[in-house]
């Protein structure tokens, strides 16, 4: 029986696929664990009164506050970017379009073309 090239490459393909899956799974696990550690550090630092925080606690709390601020600004920016224009904006665009269409019609008449 003649062996096809795809038969030879199957074990290699499987090994590469398993290797990639293993790499990505490891990457995801490391990031999950890092997130857990960061959240625990933030909770620990946030539970302390400001008078009892050391430099690292203050840094941790400050970074978390900045992250929350950035998250809020991003949400606001995204909401603004995807929101529909208000009615006055639509009406202004409709008026401009009507004026442009009227001007185009006039130009066509001047050039001897009928609309």
N, C-alpha and C. Protein backbone atom coordinates (compact mmCIF):
# COMPACT_ATOMS: atom_id res chain seq x y z
N UNK A 1 0.85 -1.17 0.00
CA UNK A 1 0.00 0.00 0.00
C UNK A 1 0.90 1.23 0.00
N UNK A 2 0.52 2.23 -0.77
CA UNK A 2 1.29 3.47 -0.89
C UNK A 2 0.86 4.43 0.22
N UNK A 3 1.88 4.94 0.93
CA UNK A 3 1.60 5.88 1.99
C UNK A 3 1.49 7.28 1.41
N UNK A 4 0.42 7.97 1.74
CA UNK A 4 0.25 9.33 1.26
C UNK A 4 0.96 10.29 2.20
N UNK A 5 1.34 11.45 1.68
CA UNK A 5 2.07 12.42 2.50
C UNK A 5 1.25 12.89 3.70
N UNK A 6 -0.08 12.94 3.55
CA UNK A 6 -0.91 13.38 4.66
C UNK A 6 -0.87 12.36 5.80
N UNK A 7 -0.68 11.07 5.47
CA UNK A 7 -0.58 10.05 6.50
C UNK A 7 0.70 10.25 7.32
N UNK A 8 1.76 10.64 6.66
CA UNK A 8 3.03 10.87 7.36
C UNK A 8 2.98 12.10 8.24
N UNK A 9 2.28 13.13 7.80
CA UNK A 9 2.28 14.39 8.53
C UNK A 9 1.25 14.41 9.67
N UNK A 10 0.37 13.43 9.72
CA UNK A 10 -0.67 13.40 10.75
C UNK A 10 -0.08 13.41 12.16
N UNK A 11 0.89 12.55 12.50
CA UNK A 11 1.46 12.60 13.86
C UNK A 11 2.12 13.95 14.15
N UNK A 12 2.77 14.51 13.16
CA UNK A 12 3.42 15.81 13.35
C UNK A 12 2.37 16.89 13.57
N UNK A 13 1.31 16.87 12.77
CA UNK A 13 0.23 17.84 12.92
C UNK A 13 -0.40 17.72 14.31
N UNK A 14 -0.64 16.48 14.75
CA UNK A 14 -1.24 16.26 16.07
C UNK A 14 -0.32 16.79 17.17
N UNK A 15 0.98 16.55 17.04
CA UNK A 15 1.93 17.01 18.06
C UNK A 15 1.98 18.54 18.09
N UNK A 16 1.99 19.16 16.92
CA UNK A 16 2.00 20.62 16.86
C UNK A 16 0.73 21.20 17.47
N UNK A 17 -0.41 20.59 17.13
CA UNK A 17 -1.68 21.05 17.67
C UNK A 17 -1.69 20.92 19.19
N UNK A 18 -1.22 19.78 19.69
CA UNK A 18 -1.18 19.56 21.14
C UNK A 18 -0.22 20.54 21.80
N UNK A 19 0.91 20.79 21.15
CA UNK A 19 1.88 21.75 21.69
C UNK A 19 1.32 23.16 21.77
N UNK A 20 0.63 23.57 20.72
CA UNK A 20 0.02 24.90 20.71
C UNK A 20 -1.07 24.99 21.77
N UNK A 21 -1.89 23.97 21.85
CA UNK A 21 -2.95 23.97 22.85
C UNK A 21 -2.36 24.01 24.26
N UNK A 22 -1.31 23.26 24.47
CA UNK A 22 -0.65 23.24 25.77
C UNK A 22 -0.06 24.62 26.10
N UNK A 23 0.59 25.23 25.12
CA UNK A 23 1.16 26.56 25.33
C UNK A 23 0.08 27.58 25.66
N UNK A 24 -0.99 27.59 24.89
CA UNK A 24 -2.06 28.55 25.13
C UNK A 24 -2.78 28.28 26.44
N UNK A 25 -2.97 27.02 26.78
CA UNK A 25 -3.57 26.67 28.06
C UNK A 25 -2.71 27.13 29.23
N UNK A 26 -1.40 26.93 29.11
CA UNK A 26 -0.47 27.37 30.16
C UNK A 26 -0.50 28.89 30.29
N UNK A 27 -0.49 29.58 29.15
CA UNK A 27 -0.53 31.04 29.14
C UNK A 27 -1.78 31.55 29.85
N UNK A 28 -2.92 30.93 29.54
CA UNK A 28 -4.18 31.33 30.16
C UNK A 28 -4.15 31.06 31.67
N UNK A 29 -3.64 29.91 32.08
CA UNK A 29 -3.58 29.56 33.49
C UNK A 29 -2.68 30.53 34.26
N UNK A 30 -1.53 30.87 33.70
CA UNK A 30 -0.61 31.81 34.36
C UNK A 30 -1.31 33.16 34.56
N UNK A 31 -2.01 33.63 33.53
CA UNK A 31 -2.70 34.91 33.65
C UNK A 31 -3.85 34.86 34.65
N UNK A 32 -4.56 33.75 34.71
CA UNK A 32 -5.63 33.61 35.70
C UNK A 32 -5.05 33.66 37.11
N UNK A 33 -3.95 32.95 37.33
CA UNK A 33 -3.34 32.94 38.66
C UNK A 33 -2.80 34.32 39.02
N UNK A 34 -2.20 35.00 38.04
CA UNK A 34 -1.70 36.36 38.28
C UNK A 34 -2.87 37.29 38.64
N UNK A 35 -3.98 37.17 37.92
CA UNK A 35 -5.16 37.99 38.23
C UNK A 35 -5.65 37.71 39.65
N UNK A 36 -5.68 36.45 40.04
CA UNK A 36 -6.11 36.09 41.40
C UNK A 36 -5.19 36.73 42.44
N UNK A 37 -3.89 36.67 42.21
CA UNK A 37 -2.93 37.24 43.16
C UNK A 37 -3.07 38.77 43.24
N UNK A 38 -3.26 39.40 42.09
CA UNK A 38 -3.43 40.85 42.06
C UNK A 38 -4.71 41.25 42.79
N UNK A 39 -5.80 40.55 42.54
CA UNK A 39 -7.07 40.86 43.22
C UNK A 39 -6.94 40.68 44.73
N UNK A 40 -6.24 39.65 45.15
CA UNK A 40 -6.03 39.41 46.58
C UNK A 40 -5.21 40.54 47.20
N UNK A 41 -4.17 40.99 46.49
CA UNK A 41 -3.33 42.08 47.00
C UNK A 41 -4.14 43.37 47.09
N UNK A 42 -4.98 43.63 46.10
CA UNK A 42 -5.82 44.83 46.11
C UNK A 42 -6.80 44.77 47.28
N UNK A 43 -7.43 43.62 47.47
CA UNK A 43 -8.39 43.47 48.58
C UNK A 43 -7.69 43.67 49.91
N UNK A 44 -6.52 43.08 50.07
CA UNK A 44 -5.77 43.19 51.33
C UNK A 44 -5.39 44.64 51.59
N UNK A 45 -4.89 45.33 50.57
CA UNK A 45 -4.48 46.73 50.74
C UNK A 45 -5.69 47.63 50.96
N UNK A 46 -6.78 47.37 50.27
CA UNK A 46 -7.98 48.20 50.39
C UNK A 46 -8.63 48.05 51.76
N UNK A 47 -8.48 46.87 52.38
CA UNK A 47 -9.07 46.63 53.71
C UNK A 47 -8.36 47.42 54.80
N UNK A 48 -7.14 47.81 54.57
CA UNK A 48 -6.39 48.57 55.58
C UNK A 48 -6.84 50.02 55.57
N UNK A 49 -6.84 50.63 56.73
CA UNK A 49 -7.15 52.06 56.78
C UNK A 49 -5.98 52.82 56.16
N UNK A 50 -6.24 53.97 55.56
CA UNK A 50 -5.15 54.73 54.92
C UNK A 50 -3.96 55.00 55.86
N UNK A 51 -4.23 55.14 57.12
CA UNK A 51 -3.15 55.41 58.08
C UNK A 51 -2.24 54.19 58.28
N UNK A 52 -2.76 52.99 58.04
CA UNK A 52 -1.99 51.77 58.26
C UNK A 52 -1.40 51.18 56.98
N UNK A 53 -1.55 51.86 55.87
CA UNK A 53 -1.01 51.36 54.61
C UNK A 53 0.45 51.75 54.47
N UNK A 54 1.22 50.81 53.94
CA UNK A 54 2.61 51.15 53.61
C UNK A 54 2.67 51.58 52.14
N UNK A 55 3.87 51.82 51.65
CA UNK A 55 4.04 52.30 50.27
C UNK A 55 3.41 51.35 49.26
N UNK A 56 3.65 50.05 49.44
CA UNK A 56 3.13 49.06 48.49
C UNK A 56 1.60 49.04 48.53
N UNK A 57 1.02 49.15 49.72
CA UNK A 57 -0.44 49.20 49.84
C UNK A 57 -0.99 50.42 49.11
N UNK A 58 -0.39 51.58 49.33
CA UNK A 58 -0.84 52.81 48.67
C UNK A 58 -0.71 52.68 47.16
N UNK A 59 0.39 52.11 46.72
CA UNK A 59 0.61 51.92 45.29
C UNK A 59 -0.46 50.99 44.72
N UNK A 60 -0.73 49.90 45.40
CA UNK A 60 -1.73 48.93 44.95
C UNK A 60 -3.11 49.56 44.86
N UNK A 61 -3.51 50.28 45.90
CA UNK A 61 -4.82 50.93 45.92
C UNK A 61 -4.88 52.00 44.82
N UNK A 62 -3.83 52.79 44.67
CA UNK A 62 -3.81 53.84 43.66
C UNK A 62 -3.90 53.29 42.24
N UNK A 63 -3.17 52.21 41.99
CA UNK A 63 -3.22 51.58 40.66
C UNK A 63 -4.62 51.04 40.39
N UNK A 64 -5.23 50.43 41.39
CA UNK A 64 -6.58 49.91 41.21
C UNK A 64 -7.58 51.04 40.95
N UNK A 65 -7.45 52.14 41.66
CA UNK A 65 -8.34 53.28 41.44
C UNK A 65 -8.16 53.83 40.02
N UNK A 66 -6.92 53.92 39.57
CA UNK A 66 -6.67 54.39 38.21
C UNK A 66 -7.25 53.42 37.18
N UNK A 67 -7.12 52.13 37.43
CA UNK A 67 -7.69 51.12 36.52
C UNK A 67 -9.20 51.29 36.43
N UNK A 68 -9.86 51.48 37.56
CA UNK A 68 -11.31 51.65 37.57
C UNK A 68 -11.71 52.94 36.84
N UNK A 69 -10.92 53.99 37.01
CA UNK A 69 -11.17 55.25 36.31
C UNK A 69 -11.02 55.06 34.80
N UNK A 70 -9.98 54.37 34.40
CA UNK A 70 -9.77 54.09 32.97
C UNK A 70 -10.91 53.24 32.41
N UNK A 71 -11.34 52.26 33.18
CA UNK A 71 -12.42 51.40 32.73
C UNK A 71 -13.70 52.21 32.52
N UNK A 72 -13.99 53.13 33.44
CA UNK A 72 -15.18 53.98 33.33
C UNK A 72 -15.07 54.89 32.11
N UNK A 73 -13.90 55.50 31.91
CA UNK A 73 -13.71 56.39 30.75
C UNK A 73 -13.84 55.60 29.45
N UNK A 74 -13.31 54.39 29.42
CA UNK A 74 -13.42 53.56 28.23
C UNK A 74 -14.88 53.20 27.95
N UNK A 75 -15.62 52.83 28.98
CA UNK A 75 -17.03 52.52 28.82
C UNK A 75 -17.80 53.73 28.29
N UNK A 76 -17.51 54.91 28.86
CA UNK A 76 -18.18 56.14 28.42
C UNK A 76 -17.84 56.46 26.97
N UNK A 77 -16.56 56.30 26.61
CA UNK A 77 -16.12 56.59 25.24
C UNK A 77 -16.77 55.62 24.26
N UNK A 78 -16.81 54.36 24.62
CA UNK A 78 -17.44 53.36 23.74
C UNK A 78 -18.93 53.62 23.60
N UNK A 79 -19.58 53.95 24.69
CA UNK A 79 -21.02 54.22 24.64
C UNK A 79 -21.29 55.43 23.76
N UNK A 80 -20.45 56.45 23.88
CA UNK A 80 -20.62 57.65 23.05
C UNK A 80 -20.36 57.33 21.58
N UNK A 81 -19.35 56.52 21.32
CA UNK A 81 -18.98 56.19 19.94
C UNK A 81 -20.06 55.38 19.23
N UNK A 82 -20.74 54.52 19.97
CA UNK A 82 -21.73 53.66 19.31
C UNK A 82 -23.15 54.17 19.44
N UNK A 83 -23.34 55.28 20.16
CA UNK A 83 -24.70 55.80 20.32
C UNK A 83 -25.17 56.42 19.01
N UNK A 84 -26.45 56.33 18.81
CA UNK A 84 -27.04 56.89 17.59
C UNK A 84 -27.05 58.42 17.70
N UNK A 85 -26.90 59.08 16.57
CA UNK A 85 -26.96 60.55 16.61
C UNK A 85 -28.35 61.00 17.04
N UNK A 86 -28.41 62.15 17.70
CA UNK A 86 -29.73 62.61 18.12
C UNK A 86 -30.50 63.18 16.93
N UNK A 87 -31.77 63.42 17.13
CA UNK A 87 -32.67 63.82 16.04
C UNK A 87 -32.21 65.11 15.36
N UNK A 88 -31.70 66.06 16.13
CA UNK A 88 -31.26 67.34 15.54
C UNK A 88 -30.09 67.13 14.57
N UNK A 89 -29.20 66.20 14.91
CA UNK A 89 -28.09 65.90 14.00
C UNK A 89 -28.60 65.28 12.69
N UNK A 90 -29.57 64.40 12.81
CA UNK A 90 -30.15 63.76 11.63
C UNK A 90 -30.86 64.80 10.76
N UNK A 91 -31.60 65.69 11.41
CA UNK A 91 -32.31 66.73 10.65
C UNK A 91 -31.33 67.66 9.94
N UNK A 92 -30.24 68.02 10.60
CA UNK A 92 -29.24 68.89 9.98
C UNK A 92 -28.62 68.21 8.77
N UNK A 93 -28.35 66.92 8.87
CA UNK A 93 -27.78 66.17 7.74
C UNK A 93 -28.80 66.09 6.60
N UNK A 94 -30.06 65.86 6.94
CA UNK A 94 -31.11 65.79 5.92
C UNK A 94 -31.23 67.13 5.18
N UNK A 95 -31.15 68.26 5.91
CA UNK A 95 -31.22 69.58 5.27
C UNK A 95 -30.04 69.80 4.34
N UNK A 96 -28.85 69.44 4.81
CA UNK A 96 -27.66 69.59 3.96
C UNK A 96 -27.77 68.74 2.70
N UNK A 97 -28.26 67.53 2.85
CA UNK A 97 -28.43 66.64 1.70
C UNK A 97 -29.45 67.21 0.72
N UNK A 98 -30.55 67.72 1.24
CA UNK A 98 -31.57 68.32 0.36
C UNK A 98 -30.99 69.51 -0.39
N UNK A 99 -30.22 70.35 0.30
CA UNK A 99 -29.60 71.51 -0.35
C UNK A 99 -28.61 71.06 -1.43
N UNK A 100 -27.85 70.03 -1.15
CA UNK A 100 -26.90 69.51 -2.14
C UNK A 100 -27.62 68.94 -3.36
N UNK A 101 -28.71 68.23 -3.12
CA UNK A 101 -29.48 67.67 -4.22
C UNK A 101 -30.09 68.78 -5.08
N UNK A 102 -30.56 69.82 -4.42
CA UNK A 102 -31.13 70.96 -5.15
C UNK A 102 -30.05 71.65 -5.99
N UNK A 103 -28.89 71.83 -5.42
CA UNK A 103 -27.79 72.47 -6.14
C UNK A 103 -27.35 71.60 -7.32
N UNK A 104 -27.29 70.31 -7.12
CA UNK A 104 -26.94 69.39 -8.20
C UNK A 104 -27.96 69.48 -9.34
N UNK A 105 -29.23 69.55 -8.98
CA UNK A 105 -30.27 69.67 -9.99
C UNK A 105 -30.11 70.96 -10.79
N UNK A 106 -29.80 72.06 -10.10
CA UNK A 106 -29.57 73.34 -10.78
C UNK A 106 -28.38 73.26 -11.72
N UNK A 107 -27.31 72.64 -11.27
CA UNK A 107 -26.11 72.51 -12.10
C UNK A 107 -26.39 71.66 -13.33
N UNK A 108 -27.16 70.59 -13.15
CA UNK A 108 -27.51 69.75 -14.29
C UNK A 108 -28.33 70.52 -15.31
N UNK A 109 -29.26 71.36 -14.83
CA UNK A 109 -30.07 72.18 -15.74
C UNK A 109 -29.20 73.19 -16.49
N UNK A 110 -28.24 73.79 -15.75
CA UNK A 110 -27.35 74.76 -16.38
C UNK A 110 -26.50 74.12 -17.46
N UNK A 111 -26.15 72.87 -17.26
CA UNK A 111 -25.33 72.16 -18.22
C UNK A 111 -26.17 71.53 -19.34
N UNK A 112 -27.47 71.70 -19.27
CA UNK A 112 -28.35 71.20 -20.32
C UNK A 112 -28.77 69.77 -20.12
N UNK A 113 -28.58 69.24 -18.96
CA UNK A 113 -28.99 67.86 -18.68
C UNK A 113 -30.26 67.88 -17.87
N UNK A 114 -31.08 66.92 -18.10
CA UNK A 114 -32.32 66.82 -17.33
C UNK A 114 -32.09 65.81 -16.21
N UNK A 115 -32.68 66.10 -15.03
CA UNK A 115 -32.48 65.18 -13.88
C UNK A 115 -33.13 63.83 -14.07
